[in-house]
Amino acid sequence: VILAALVASSRVAALALQELSNINATAAAAPAGPPAPPAGGAQIAPFGKEDTAKELQSHAARTQDTLVDAVENAEVAEIKRSVFRALTRLRAAEIKEFDTIARLETQAIDEYND
């Protein structure tokens, strides 16, 4: 199996070399056309400037601070709501307990008077 793979890959390599030699022969025989672009490619101007980068970075920092403040404010508001709910439940439980005590006292007084 390995031998078959090696034979197949050597055939592919031989065909590739033959194609390359054909291309090189054709290119050498062809007349000279327009000059080829430089190997380095076109020169590209630098993107952005340092002051713009600093401005964008400071804006991003301010935006992040604003988002952190908003999250903290939301957490504080949620804590206040949960404390208010807990105190409301505690108040309701206290009122219920006082009502129970008052009812039991009233029943005790009624039983004593009967």
C-alpha atoms as a PDB file:
ATOM      1  CA  VAL A   1       0.000   0.000   0.000  1.00  0.00           C
ATOM      2  CA  ILE A   2       2.821   2.380   0.906  1.00  0.00           C
ATOM      3  CA  LEU A   3       4.724   1.392  -2.243  1.00  0.00           C
ATOM      4  CA  ALA A   4       1.649   2.115  -4.383  1.00  0.00           C
ATOM      5  CA  ALA A   5       1.280   5.531  -2.765  1.00  0.00           C
ATOM      6  CA  LEU A   6       4.942   6.328  -3.424  1.00  0.00           C
ATOM      7  CA  VAL A   7       4.652   5.274  -7.072  1.00  0.00           C
ATOM      8  CA  ALA A   8       1.504   7.382  -7.519  1.00  0.00           C
ATOM      9  CA  SER A   9       3.099  10.427  -5.883  1.00  0.00           C
ATOM     10  CA  SER A  10       6.221  10.060  -8.051  1.00  0.00           C
ATOM     11  CA  ARG A  11       4.012   9.985 -11.180  1.00  0.00           C
ATOM     12  CA  VAL A  12       2.218  13.143 -10.018  1.00  0.00           C
ATOM     13  CA  ALA A  13       5.563  14.827  -9.354  1.00  0.00           C
ATOM     14  CA  ALA A  14       6.853  13.842 -12.813  1.00  0.00           C
ATOM     15  CA  LEU A  15       3.715  15.258 -14.475  1.00  0.00           C
ATOM     16  CA  ALA A  16       4.059  18.479 -12.490  1.00  0.00           C
ATOM     17  CA  LEU A  17       7.707  18.859 -13.562  1.00  0.00           C
ATOM     18  CA  GLN A  18       6.750  18.256 -17.194  1.00  0.00           C
ATOM     19  CA  GLU A  19       4.016  20.934 -17.000  1.00  0.00           C
ATOM     20  CA  LEU A  20       6.480  23.392 -15.428  1.00  0.00           C
ATOM     21  CA  SER A  21       9.023  22.824 -18.179  1.00  0.00           C
ATOM     22  CA  ASN A  22       6.300  23.338 -20.815  1.00  0.00           C
ATOM     23  CA  ILE A  23       5.223  26.600 -19.164  1.00  0.00           C
ATOM     24  CA  ASN A  24       8.821  27.847 -18.939  1.00  0.00           C
ATOM     25  CA  ALA A  25       9.437  27.001 -22.623  1.00  0.00           C
ATOM     26  CA  THR A  26       6.259  28.831 -23.653  1.00  0.00           C
ATOM     27  CA  ALA A  27       7.152  31.869 -21.541  1.00  0.00           C
ATOM     28  CA  ALA A  28      10.655  32.048 -23.020  1.00  0.00           C
ATOM     29  CA  ALA A  29       9.301  31.904 -26.580  1.00  0.00           C
ATOM     30  CA  ALA A  30       6.602  34.550 -26.001  1.00  0.00           C
ATOM     31  CA  PRO A  31       7.382  38.156 -26.962  1.00  0.00           C
ATOM     32  CA  ALA A  32       7.974  40.634 -24.152  1.00  0.00           C
ATOM     33  CA  GLY A  33       4.715  42.257 -23.086  1.00  0.00           C
ATOM     34  CA  PRO A  34       4.089  45.058 -20.639  1.00  0.00           C
ATOM     35  CA  PRO A  35       6.486  45.170 -17.705  1.00  0.00           C
ATOM     36  CA  ALA A  36       5.507  43.055 -14.741  1.00  0.00           C
ATOM     37  CA  PRO A  37       4.569  44.802 -11.496  1.00  0.00           C
ATOM     38  CA  PRO A  38       7.304  44.954  -8.864  1.00  0.00           C
ATOM     39  CA  ALA A  39       7.651  41.842  -6.760  1.00  0.00           C
ATOM     40  CA  GLY A  40       6.809  43.726  -3.551  1.00  0.00           C
ATOM     41  CA  GLY A  41       3.392  44.749  -4.853  1.00  0.00           C
ATOM     42  CA  ALA A  42       1.882  48.207  -4.742  1.00  0.00           C
ATOM     43  CA  GLN A  43       2.893  50.537  -1.974  1.00  0.00           C
ATOM     44  CA  ILE A  44       0.049  51.071   0.468  1.00  0.00           C
ATOM     45  CA  ALA A  45      -0.175  54.143   2.629  1.00  0.00           C
ATOM     46  CA  PRO A  46      -0.192  53.519   6.377  1.00  0.00           C
ATOM     47  CA  PHE A  47      -3.683  53.109   7.775  1.00  0.00           C
ATOM     48  CA  GLY A  48      -4.676  55.466  10.566  1.00  0.00           C
ATOM     49  CA  LYS A  49      -2.620  57.825  12.642  1.00  0.00           C
ATOM     50  CA  GLU A  50      -1.332  57.694  16.168  1.00  0.00           C
ATOM     51  CA  ASP A  51      -3.530  60.534  17.437  1.00  0.00           C
ATOM     52  CA  THR A  52      -6.596  58.875  15.923  1.00  0.00           C
ATOM     53  CA  ALA A  53      -5.650  55.600  17.574  1.00  0.00           C
ATOM     54  CA  LYS A  54      -5.211  57.320  20.949  1.00  0.00           C
ATOM     55  CA  GLU A  55      -8.558  59.074  20.553  1.00  0.00           C
ATOM     56  CA  LEU A  56     -10.321  55.822  19.673  1.00  0.00           C
ATOM     57  CA  GLN A  57      -8.631  54.026  22.549  1.00  0.00           C
ATOM     58  CA  SER A  58      -9.647  56.705  25.051  1.00  0.00           C
ATOM     59  CA  HIS A  59     -13.203  56.638  23.662  1.00  0.00           C
ATOM     60  CA  ALA A  60     -13.284  52.857  24.067  1.00  0.00           C
ATOM     61  CA  ALA A  61     -12.033  53.198  27.650  1.00  0.00           C
ATOM     62  CA  ARG A  62     -14.719  55.795  28.444  1.00  0.00           C
ATOM     63  CA  THR A  63     -17.378  53.594  26.867  1.00  0.00           C
ATOM     64  CA  GLN A  64     -16.209  50.611  28.884  1.00  0.00           C
ATOM     65  CA  ASP A  65     -16.269  52.703  32.079  1.00  0.00           C
ATOM     66  CA  THR A  66     -19.810  53.804  31.248  1.00  0.00           C
ATOM     67  CA  LEU A  67     -20.887  50.197  30.727  1.00  0.00           C
ATOM     68  CA  VAL A  68     -19.265  49.110  34.007  1.00  0.00           C
ATOM     69  CA  ASP A  69     -21.031  51.966  35.819  1.00  0.00           C
ATOM     70  CA  ALA A  70     -24.355  50.940  34.269  1.00  0.00           C
ATOM     71  CA  VAL A  71     -23.863  47.332  35.383  1.00  0.00           C
ATOM     72  CA  GLU A  72     -22.940  48.456  38.900  1.00  0.00           C
ATOM     73  CA  ASN A  73     -26.006  50.724  39.039  1.00  0.00           C
ATOM     74  CA  ALA A  74     -28.200  47.849  37.892  1.00  0.00           C
ATOM     75  CA  GLU A  75     -26.702  45.630  40.601  1.00  0.00           C
ATOM     76  CA  VAL A  76     -27.382  48.285  43.246  1.00  0.00           C
ATOM     77  CA  ALA A  77     -30.960  48.686  42.025  1.00  0.00           C
ATOM     78  CA  GLU A  78     -31.483  44.899  42.144  1.00  0.00           C
ATOM     79  CA  ILE A  79     -30.069  44.750  45.677  1.00  0.00           C
ATOM     80  CA  LYS A  80     -32.417  47.547  46.753  1.00  0.00           C
ATOM     81  CA  ARG A  81     -35.384  45.729  45.206  1.00  0.00           C
ATOM     82  CA  SER A  82     -34.498  42.443  46.869  1.00  0.00           C
ATOM     83  CA  VAL A  83     -34.013  44.135  50.261  1.00  0.00           C
ATOM     84  CA  PHE A  84     -37.356  45.915  49.860  1.00  0.00           C
ATOM     85  CA  ARG A  85     -39.073  42.609  49.003  1.00  0.00           C
ATOM     86  CA  ALA A  86     -37.474  40.910  51.995  1.00  0.00           C
ATOM     87  CA  LEU A  87     -38.511  43.730  54.335  1.00  0.00           C
ATOM     88  CA  THR A  88     -42.039  43.676  52.904  1.00  0.00           C
ATOM     89  CA  ARG A  89     -42.277  39.925  53.556  1.00  0.00           C
ATOM     90  CA  LEU A  90     -40.899  40.406  57.063  1.00  0.00           C
ATOM     91  CA  ARG A  91     -43.434  43.168  57.729  1.00  0.00           C
ATOM     92  CA  ALA A  92     -46.251  40.936  56.459  1.00  0.00           C
ATOM     93  CA  ALA A  93     -45.040  38.077  58.675  1.00  0.00           C
ATOM     94  CA  GLU A  94     -44.846  40.386  61.721  1.00  0.00           C
ATOM     95  CA  ILE A  95     -48.343  41.734  61.088  1.00  0.00           C
ATOM     96  CA  LYS A  96     -49.665  38.196  60.695  1.00  0.00           C
ATOM     97  CA  GLU A  97     -47.961  37.132  63.924  1.00  0.00           C
ATOM     98  CA  PHE A  98     -49.315  40.132  65.837  1.00  0.00           C
ATOM     99  CA  ASP A  99     -52.791  39.415  64.453  1.00  0.00           C
ATOM    100  CA  THR A 100     -52.451  35.797  65.602  1.00  0.00           C
ATOM    101  CA  ILE A 101     -51.372  36.914  69.078  1.00  0.00           C
ATOM    102  CA  ALA A 102     -54.264  39.397  69.268  1.00  0.00           C
ATOM    103  CA  ARG A 103     -56.745  36.713  68.156  1.00  0.00           C
ATOM    104  CA  LEU A 104     -55.424  34.218  70.712  1.00  0.00           C
ATOM    105  CA  GLU A 105     -55.575  36.831  73.465  1.00  0.00           C
ATOM    106  CA  THR A 106     -59.125  37.707  72.475  1.00  0.00           C
ATOM    107  CA  GLN A 107     -60.064  34.010  72.537  1.00  0.00           C
ATOM    108  CA  ALA A 108     -58.461  33.618  75.958  1.00  0.00           C
ATOM    109  CA  ILE A 109     -60.391  36.589  77.303  1.00  0.00           C
ATOM    110  CA  ASP A 110     -63.633  35.223  75.833  1.00  0.00           C
ATOM    111  CA  GLU A 111     -63.002  31.788  77.373  1.00  0.00           C
ATOM    112  CA  TYR A 112     -62.241  33.333  80.728  1.00  0.00           C
ATOM    113  CA  ASN A 113     -65.462  35.357  80.658  1.00  0.00           C
ATOM    114  CA  ASP A 114     -67.611  32.383  79.663  1.00  0.00           C
END
